[in-house]
Amino acid sequence: MTTNLMKQNIPAAAEASTMSRKSDNDEALVFDASVLQNEKNIPKEFIWPDHEKPCANPPQLQVPLIDLQDFFSEDPTSIKKVSDLVGQACREHGFFLVVNHGVDNNLISDAHRYMDLFFDLPLSEKHKAQRKLGEHCGYASSFTGRFSSKLPWKETLTFQYSAKENSSTIVQDYITKTMGENFAELGRMIYQEYSNAMSKLSLGIMELLGISLGVGRGHFKEFFEENESIMRLNYYPPCQKPELTLGTGPHCDPTSLTILHQDTVGGLEVFVDNQWQSIPPNLNAFVVNLGDTFMALSNGRYKSCLHRAVVNKMAPRKSLAFFLCPEKDKLVRPPTDLVDNKYPRIYPDFTWPTLLEFTQKHYRADMNTLQAFSAWLPSH
């Protein structure tokens, strides 16, 4: 059920977002990082409006550091302390850090190293994995095929992941298929292993979220047990005019949960208390944030928060992002324990592929994605 408040002005927002999409007649702009990172006059398509441009020296966001070793210790006092910290963060902004997460440091280092090797390839080689229009997997250089303005200063490589038993080699098979046998050794086993580790970590975090929301440890873990998720490598080249552009524009993730590992170059910012605040890198921690799908699963009790990435003049920035998503036929609906007179239903039932299609073909993800989607859904 969609509230009247949610429907107000949403079609206009959706129309404005769709209008930023490239038309068939636009000449394709090529984002070649090896050239553009030295360009003093960056193309106008990458220049953002004044009110969205980066701000100098943003304050640091006070993000709780969650020790997962405490959570899995089975000590009731430790579990309550950790779940209280997570609950507070998720009600306020949906971001927290996790340490003692159990993911092998060598695996993380290898995932970063092979990311360097991929993005250092010539553009013609990277184009072997070129993302097709309307799809979310493959190589994308600044999403130049999707949008004609406010382009992000970045390259990405995205692939699907599945926790289903019959999909145990889905990542390595994709890399082999798109890049060819000669390229197949470039991290295909590493990214399969890394994605497996992220899926396992996600389920542990879902246990924590279930406890913090009072619906039990197993509810969300079981919901995501056979997740069909997304793994993405992000590369933000240096920019000679970083004050004019953004690595990633302001948006809320439409997915359920994001687990991000940053390198040592800062750039992640979150919009909290009406200002942009930074989350500094921490090589020992993963940044975790909730997405729109989990906000719907929590019936709006937990937040999907606006965030962005800025770039700099001196050094490239890289990050590994795992986006947890439910199986494609799972109905996204909050548990009955989270619906009552005080918290009536906010969002309609939906499946994740429908929301994904909305963000790929109809709407550029921003802070209003879920509201716009809720208004769009009944007529499609």
Protein backbone atom coordinates (compact mmCIF):
# COMPACT_ATOMS: atom_id res chain seq x y z
CA MET A 1 0.00 0.00 0.00
CA THR A 2 1.44 3.38 -1.02
CA THR A 3 0.77 6.45 1.08
CA ASN A 4 -0.70 9.62 -0.45
CA LEU A 5 2.36 11.52 0.73
CA MET A 6 4.59 9.21 -1.24
CA LYS A 7 2.69 9.80 -4.46
CA GLN A 8 2.98 13.56 -4.38
CA ASN A 9 5.32 14.97 -7.04
CA ILE A 10 6.91 11.59 -7.73
CA PRO A 11 5.99 11.33 -11.42
CA ALA A 12 7.75 14.65 -12.01
CA ALA A 13 10.85 13.36 -10.24
CA ALA A 14 10.80 10.17 -12.28
CA GLU A 15 10.35 12.16 -15.49
CA ALA A 16 13.23 14.48 -14.65
CA SER A 17 15.47 11.52 -13.92
CA THR A 18 14.52 9.73 -17.11
CA MET A 19 15.14 12.89 -19.13
CA SER A 20 18.80 12.81 -18.11
CA ARG A 21 19.18 9.58 -20.06
CA LYS A 22 20.99 9.70 -23.39
CA SER A 23 18.85 9.82 -26.50
CA ASP A 24 19.56 7.61 -29.50
CA ASN A 25 20.79 10.63 -31.44
CA ASP A 26 23.45 11.67 -28.94
CA GLU A 27 27.02 11.02 -30.00
CA ALA A 28 28.65 8.55 -27.62
CA LEU A 29 31.27 10.06 -25.33
CA VAL A 30 34.27 7.83 -24.62
CA PHE A 31 35.70 7.83 -21.11
CA ASP A 32 39.34 6.84 -21.46
CA ALA A 33 40.91 7.23 -18.01
CA SER A 34 44.46 7.16 -19.37
CA VAL A 35 43.70 10.33 -21.34
CA LEU A 36 41.14 12.16 -19.21
CA GLN A 37 43.07 11.92 -15.94
CA ASN A 38 45.58 14.40 -17.43
CA GLU A 39 42.99 16.69 -19.00
CA LYS A 40 42.98 20.22 -17.55
CA ASN A 41 39.61 21.10 -19.12
CA ILE A 42 37.30 18.22 -18.35
CA PRO A 43 34.34 17.67 -20.71
CA LYS A 44 31.18 19.54 -19.72
CA GLU A 45 29.27 16.25 -19.34
CA PHE A 46 31.30 15.56 -16.18
CA ILE A 47 30.68 18.96 -14.59
CA TRP A 48 28.02 18.78 -11.86
CA PRO A 49 25.65 21.59 -10.82
CA ASP A 50 27.02 23.95 -8.19
CA HIS A 51 24.72 22.67 -5.44
CA GLU A 52 25.99 19.10 -5.96
CA LYS A 53 29.71 19.81 -6.32
CA PRO A 54 32.06 18.45 -3.65
CA CYS A 55 32.74 20.52 -0.55
CA ALA A 56 36.24 21.05 0.84
CA ASN A 57 37.21 19.31 4.10
CA PRO A 58 33.92 17.68 5.10
CA PRO A 59 33.68 16.55 8.74
CA GLN A 60 34.09 12.86 9.54
CA LEU A 61 30.96 10.83 10.19
CA GLN A 62 30.98 9.09 13.55
CA VAL A 63 30.32 5.54 12.35
CA PRO A 64 30.14 2.74 14.94
CA LEU A 65 32.86 0.11 14.76
CA ILE A 66 31.14 -3.27 15.13
CA ASP A 67 33.27 -6.15 16.38
CA LEU A 68 31.73 -9.27 14.85
CA GLN A 69 33.83 -11.46 17.12
CA ASP A 70 31.80 -10.04 20.02
CA PHE A 71 28.56 -10.76 18.18
CA PHE A 72 29.41 -14.38 17.41
CA SER A 73 30.81 -14.99 20.90
CA GLU A 74 27.31 -16.06 22.06
CA ASP A 75 27.73 -13.82 25.11
CA PRO A 76 24.30 -12.18 25.66
CA THR A 77 25.80 -8.93 26.97
CA SER A 78 28.11 -8.59 23.94
CA ILE A 79 25.31 -9.44 21.51
CA LYS A 80 23.00 -6.84 23.03
CA LYS A 81 25.71 -4.17 22.98
CA VAL A 82 26.52 -4.82 19.33
CA SER A 83 22.88 -5.04 18.20
CA ASP A 84 22.04 -1.79 20.04
CA LEU A 85 24.91 0.00 18.27
CA VAL A 86 23.81 -1.32 14.87
CA GLY A 87 20.16 -0.48 15.53
CA GLN A 88 20.98 3.12 16.41
CA ALA A 89 23.17 3.56 13.32
CA CYS A 90 20.53 2.02 11.03
CA ARG A 91 17.79 4.28 12.39
CA GLU A 92 19.97 7.36 11.93
CA HIS A 93 21.80 6.74 8.63
CA GLY A 94 22.25 3.03 7.86
CA PHE A 95 26.09 2.98 7.90
CA PHE A 96 28.49 1.07 10.17
CA LEU A 97 31.93 -0.56 10.03
CA VAL A 98 32.66 -4.20 10.82
CA VAL A 99 35.99 -5.57 12.09
CA ASN A 100 37.05 -9.09 13.05
CA HIS A 101 34.88 -10.15 10.13
CA GLY A 102 36.69 -13.39 9.36
CA VAL A 103 37.56 -12.54 5.74
CA ASP A 104 41.15 -13.46 4.93
CA ASN A 105 43.38 -10.38 4.52
CA ASN A 106 45.32 -12.03 1.69
CA LEU A 107 42.09 -12.56 -0.22
CA ILE A 108 41.21 -8.88 0.16
CA SER A 109 44.72 -7.85 -0.98
CA ASP A 110 44.53 -10.14 -4.02
CA ALA A 111 41.11 -8.74 -4.96
CA HIS A 112 42.60 -5.22 -4.93
CA ARG A 113 45.69 -6.34 -6.86
CA TYR A 114 43.73 -7.97 -9.67
CA MET A 115 41.50 -4.91 -9.81
CA ASP A 116 44.63 -2.84 -10.57
CA LEU A 117 45.56 -5.25 -13.34
CA PHE A 118 42.13 -5.05 -14.95
CA PHE A 119 41.75 -1.26 -14.91
CA ASP A 120 45.33 -0.79 -16.15
CA LEU A 121 44.44 -2.68 -19.35
CA PRO A 122 44.03 -0.69 -22.58
CA LEU A 123 40.48 0.50 -23.16
CA SER A 124 40.10 -1.88 -26.12
CA GLU A 125 40.76 -4.86 -23.82
CA LYS A 126 38.34 -3.64 -21.16
CA HIS A 127 35.70 -3.18 -23.84
CA LYS A 128 35.63 -6.97 -24.31
CA ALA A 129 33.45 -6.96 -21.22
CA GLN A 130 31.45 -3.89 -22.26
CA ARG A 131 28.11 -3.59 -20.50
CA LYS A 132 25.11 -3.67 -22.83
CA LEU A 133 22.49 -0.93 -22.59
CA GLY A 134 19.84 -1.77 -20.01
CA GLU A 135 21.98 -4.42 -18.33
CA HIS A 136 23.84 -4.13 -15.04
CA CYS A 137 26.77 -6.50 -15.64
CA GLY A 138 29.97 -5.86 -17.54
CA TYR A 139 32.48 -3.04 -17.92
CA ALA A 140 31.18 0.52 -17.85
CA SER A 141 33.21 3.67 -18.34
CA SER A 142 31.38 6.48 -16.59
CA PHE A 143 27.97 5.12 -17.72
CA THR A 144 28.36 7.22 -20.88
CA GLY A 145 25.90 4.94 -22.67
CA ARG A 146 23.15 5.64 -20.13
CA PHE A 147 23.33 9.34 -19.33
CA SER A 148 24.24 12.55 -21.14
CA SER A 149 24.95 14.83 -18.17
CA LYS A 150 26.31 14.68 -14.62
CA LEU A 151 28.50 11.75 -15.60
CA PRO A 152 30.43 10.04 -12.79
CA TRP A 153 34.24 10.11 -12.99
CA LYS A 154 34.80 6.36 -12.78
CA GLU A 155 35.06 2.95 -14.40
CA THR A 156 33.38 -0.19 -13.10
CA LEU A 157 33.36 -3.92 -13.72
CA THR A 158 30.21 -5.63 -12.48
CA PHE A 159 29.24 -9.28 -12.41
CA GLN A 160 26.49 -11.45 -11.03
CA TYR A 161 26.91 -13.74 -8.05
CA SER A 162 24.67 -16.54 -6.86
CA ALA A 163 24.78 -18.51 -3.60
CA LYS A 164 22.77 -21.35 -5.15
CA GLU A 165 24.50 -24.73 -5.21
CA ASN A 166 24.35 -25.04 -9.00
CA SER A 167 26.03 -21.64 -9.44
CA SER A 168 29.26 -22.24 -7.56
CA THR A 169 31.45 -21.06 -10.47
CA ILE A 170 29.23 -18.25 -11.81
CA VAL A 171 31.82 -15.50 -11.29
CA GLN A 172 34.81 -17.30 -12.80
CA ASP A 173 32.68 -18.53 -15.72
CA TYR A 174 31.57 -14.96 -16.45
CA ILE A 175 35.12 -13.61 -16.44
CA THR A 176 36.28 -16.41 -18.76
CA LYS A 177 33.35 -15.90 -21.14
CA THR A 178 33.64 -12.12 -21.44
CA MET A 179 37.41 -11.68 -21.44
CA GLY A 180 38.54 -14.89 -23.15
CA GLU A 181 40.81 -17.74 -22.09
CA ASN A 182 43.95 -15.59 -22.07
CA PHE A 183 42.35 -13.31 -19.53
CA ALA A 184 40.71 -16.07 -17.52
CA GLU A 185 43.42 -16.31 -14.89
CA LEU A 186 43.14 -12.61 -14.07
CA GLY A 187 41.38 -12.98 -10.80
CA ARG A 188 38.57 -15.29 -11.86
CA MET A 189 39.18 -17.63 -8.91
CA ILE A 190 39.92 -14.70 -6.60
CA TYR A 191 36.63 -12.93 -7.31
CA GLN A 192 34.63 -16.15 -7.01
CA GLU A 193 36.24 -16.74 -3.61
CA TYR A 194 35.85 -13.11 -2.58
CA SER A 195 32.15 -13.09 -3.53
CA ASN A 196 31.63 -16.31 -1.56
CA ALA A 197 33.21 -14.65 1.47
CA MET A 198 31.01 -11.56 1.05
CA SER A 199 27.88 -13.71 0.82
CA LYS A 200 28.82 -15.51 4.04
CA LEU A 201 29.60 -12.21 5.78
CA SER A 202 26.28 -10.76 4.57
CA LEU A 203 24.34 -13.58 6.17
CA GLY A 204 26.11 -12.97 9.47
CA ILE A 205 25.21 -9.29 9.28
CA MET A 206 21.61 -10.28 8.51
CA GLU A 207 21.56 -12.24 11.76
CA LEU A 208 22.68 -9.09 13.56
CA LEU A 209 20.04 -6.96 11.81
CA GLY A 210 17.33 -9.51 12.66
CA ILE A 211 18.20 -9.36 16.35
CA SER A 212 18.41 -5.56 16.34
CA LEU A 213 14.92 -5.31 14.77
CA GLY A 214 13.49 -7.86 17.18
CA VAL A 215 12.41 -10.40 14.53
CA GLY A 216 14.89 -13.10 15.51
CA ARG A 217 18.32 -14.11 14.39
CA GLY A 218 17.25 -16.35 11.55
CA HIS A 219 14.55 -14.36 9.74
CA PHE A 220 16.63 -12.25 7.32
CA LYS A 221 19.45 -14.79 7.17
CA GLU A 222 17.02 -17.38 5.80
CA PHE A 223 15.51 -14.83 3.41
CA PHE A 224 18.94 -14.21 1.83
CA GLU A 225 20.36 -17.75 2.14
CA GLU A 226 20.32 -18.33 -1.63
CA ASN A 227 20.98 -14.72 -2.60
CA GLU A 228 21.49 -13.64 -6.21
CA SER A 229 23.77 -10.69 -5.70
CA ILE A 230 26.06 -8.26 -7.52
CA MET A 231 29.83 -7.80 -7.23
CA ARG A 232 31.40 -4.58 -8.50
CA LEU A 233 34.95 -3.28 -8.88
CA ASN A 234 35.14 0.53 -8.78
CA TYR A 235 38.01 2.60 -10.17
CA TYR A 236 38.11 6.39 -9.79
CA PRO A 237 40.97 7.90 -11.84
CA PRO A 238 42.68 11.12 -10.78
CA CYS A 239 40.99 14.28 -12.05
CA GLN A 240 42.70 17.61 -12.68
CA LYS A 241 39.53 19.49 -11.65
CA PRO A 242 38.11 17.33 -8.83
CA GLU A 243 36.12 20.27 -7.46
CA LEU A 244 33.89 20.18 -10.56
CA THR A 245 32.89 16.54 -10.71
CA LEU A 246 31.95 13.47 -8.66
CA GLY A 247 33.16 9.87 -8.76
CA THR A 248 29.65 8.69 -7.96
CA GLY A 249 26.68 11.02 -7.69
CA PRO A 250 24.40 11.22 -4.64
CA HIS A 251 22.24 8.10 -4.41
CA CYS A 252 20.82 5.44 -2.14
CA ASP A 253 21.68 1.88 -3.13
CA PRO A 254 18.55 0.14 -4.46
CA THR A 255 19.94 -3.22 -3.28
CA SER A 256 19.55 -4.74 0.21
CA LEU A 257 23.00 -4.41 1.76
CA THR A 258 26.35 -3.12 0.54
CA ILE A 259 29.69 -4.35 1.87
CA LEU A 260 32.46 -2.04 0.71
CA HIS A 261 36.21 -2.33 1.09
CA GLN A 262 38.05 0.91 0.39
CA ASP A 263 41.72 1.26 -0.45
CA THR A 264 43.81 3.85 1.42
CA VAL A 265 42.56 6.80 -0.67
CA GLY A 266 39.52 8.49 0.87
CA GLY A 267 36.45 9.56 -1.07
CA LEU A 268 33.28 8.06 0.43
CA GLU A 269 30.83 10.66 1.80
CA VAL A 270 27.44 10.28 3.49
CA PHE A 271 24.71 12.93 3.80
CA VAL A 272 23.78 13.11 7.49
CA ASP A 273 22.40 16.02 9.54
CA ASN A 274 21.99 18.07 6.38
CA GLN A 275 25.67 17.98 5.45
CA TRP A 276 28.14 15.75 3.65
CA GLN A 277 30.42 13.81 6.00
CA SER A 278 33.33 11.53 5.10
CA ILE A 279 34.01 7.91 6.06
CA PRO A 280 37.82 7.59 6.14
CA PRO A 281 39.43 4.37 4.85
CA ASN A 282 40.16 1.57 7.30
CA LEU A 283 41.93 -1.41 5.72
CA ASN A 284 40.90 -3.65 8.61
CA ALA A 285 37.21 -2.87 8.28
CA PHE A 286 34.37 -3.19 5.80
CA VAL A 287 31.94 -0.33 5.38
CA VAL A 288 28.39 -1.68 5.56
CA ASN A 289 25.32 0.27 4.48
CA LEU A 290 21.69 -0.57 4.00
CA GLY A 291 19.95 -0.25 0.64
CA ASP A 292 16.38 0.55 -0.39
CA THR A 293 15.33 -3.10 -0.55
CA PHE A 294 16.24 -3.66 3.08
CA MET A 295 14.56 -0.38 4.04
CA ALA A 296 11.40 -1.90 2.53
CA LEU A 297 12.00 -5.18 4.38
CA SER A 298 12.28 -3.25 7.65
CA ASN A 299 9.06 -1.34 6.82
CA GLY A 300 11.01 1.92 6.82
CA ARG A 301 12.36 1.53 10.36
CA TYR A 302 15.93 1.36 9.08
CA LYS A 303 17.33 3.91 6.64
CA SER A 304 18.90 3.71 3.23
CA CYS A 305 21.12 6.78 3.28
CA LEU A 306 22.27 9.17 0.59
CA HIS A 307 25.97 8.81 -0.21
CA ARG A 308 28.46 9.66 -2.95
CA ALA A 309 32.15 9.36 -3.88
CA VAL A 310 34.49 12.28 -4.59
CA VAL A 311 37.72 12.15 -6.60
CA ASN A 312 41.09 13.86 -6.22
CA LYS A 313 43.93 15.22 -8.32
CA MET A 314 46.76 13.05 -7.05
CA ALA A 315 45.84 9.38 -6.84
CA PRO A 316 43.35 6.85 -8.23
CA ARG A 317 40.88 5.39 -5.74
CA LYS A 318 39.62 1.82 -5.84
CA SER A 319 36.95 -0.05 -3.93
CA LEU A 320 35.30 -3.47 -3.88
CA ALA A 321 31.52 -3.45 -3.49
CA PHE A 322 29.30 -6.46 -2.86
CA PHE A 323 25.58 -5.74 -3.17
CA LEU A 324 23.41 -8.32 -1.41
CA CYS A 325 20.16 -9.02 -3.28
CA PRO A 326 17.41 -11.61 -2.69
CA GLU A 327 16.54 -14.42 -5.08
CA LYS A 328 14.67 -13.07 -8.06
CA ASP A 329 11.33 -14.66 -7.15
CA LYS A 330 11.39 -13.71 -3.44
CA LEU A 331 8.66 -11.28 -2.44
CA VAL A 332 10.07 -8.24 -0.65
CA ARG A 333 7.68 -7.78 2.25
CA PRO A 334 8.38 -6.87 5.90
CA PRO A 335 7.76 -9.49 8.59
CA THR A 336 4.42 -9.06 10.39
CA ASP A 337 6.27 -8.15 13.62
CA LEU A 338 7.36 -4.88 11.99
CA VAL A 339 3.84 -3.83 10.90
CA ASP A 340 1.37 -2.37 13.42
CA ASN A 341 -0.74 0.75 14.05
CA LYS A 342 2.34 2.79 14.85
CA TYR A 343 4.20 1.44 11.81
CA PRO A 344 1.67 0.76 9.02
CA ARG A 345 2.90 -0.59 5.66
CA ILE A 346 4.83 2.03 3.73
CA TYR A 347 5.93 0.26 0.56
CA PRO A 348 4.14 -2.21 -1.73
CA ASP A 349 5.25 -5.82 -2.19
CA PHE A 350 7.76 -6.21 -5.02
CA THR A 351 10.48 -8.47 -6.34
CA TRP A 352 14.09 -7.33 -6.60
CA PRO A 353 14.34 -7.75 -10.43
CA THR A 354 11.43 -5.29 -10.85
CA LEU A 355 13.22 -2.63 -8.79
CA LEU A 356 16.48 -3.35 -10.64
CA GLU A 357 14.73 -2.90 -14.00
CA PHE A 358 13.27 0.39 -12.76
CA THR A 359 16.74 1.74 -11.87
CA GLN A 360 18.34 0.47 -15.09
CA LYS A 361 15.70 1.57 -17.59
CA HIS A 362 13.43 4.20 -16.05
CA TYR A 363 15.06 6.05 -13.17
CA ARG A 364 18.51 7.22 -12.18
CA ALA A 365 18.99 6.07 -8.58
CA ASP A 366 18.86 8.90 -6.05
CA MET A 367 17.44 9.56 -2.59
CA ASN A 368 13.85 9.14 -3.83
CA THR A 369 14.22 5.86 -5.73
CA LEU A 370 11.98 3.78 -3.47
CA GLN A 371 9.25 6.43 -3.36
CA ALA A 372 9.33 6.88 -7.14
CA PHE A 373 9.31 3.13 -7.63
CA SER A 374 6.32 2.72 -5.28
CA ALA A 375 4.36 5.25 -7.34
CA TRP A 376 5.44 3.69 -10.66
CA LEU A 377 4.83 0.05 -9.72
CA PRO A 378 0.99 -0.15 -9.69
CA SER A 379 0.72 0.84 -13.34
CA HIS A 380 3.43 -1.53 -14.63
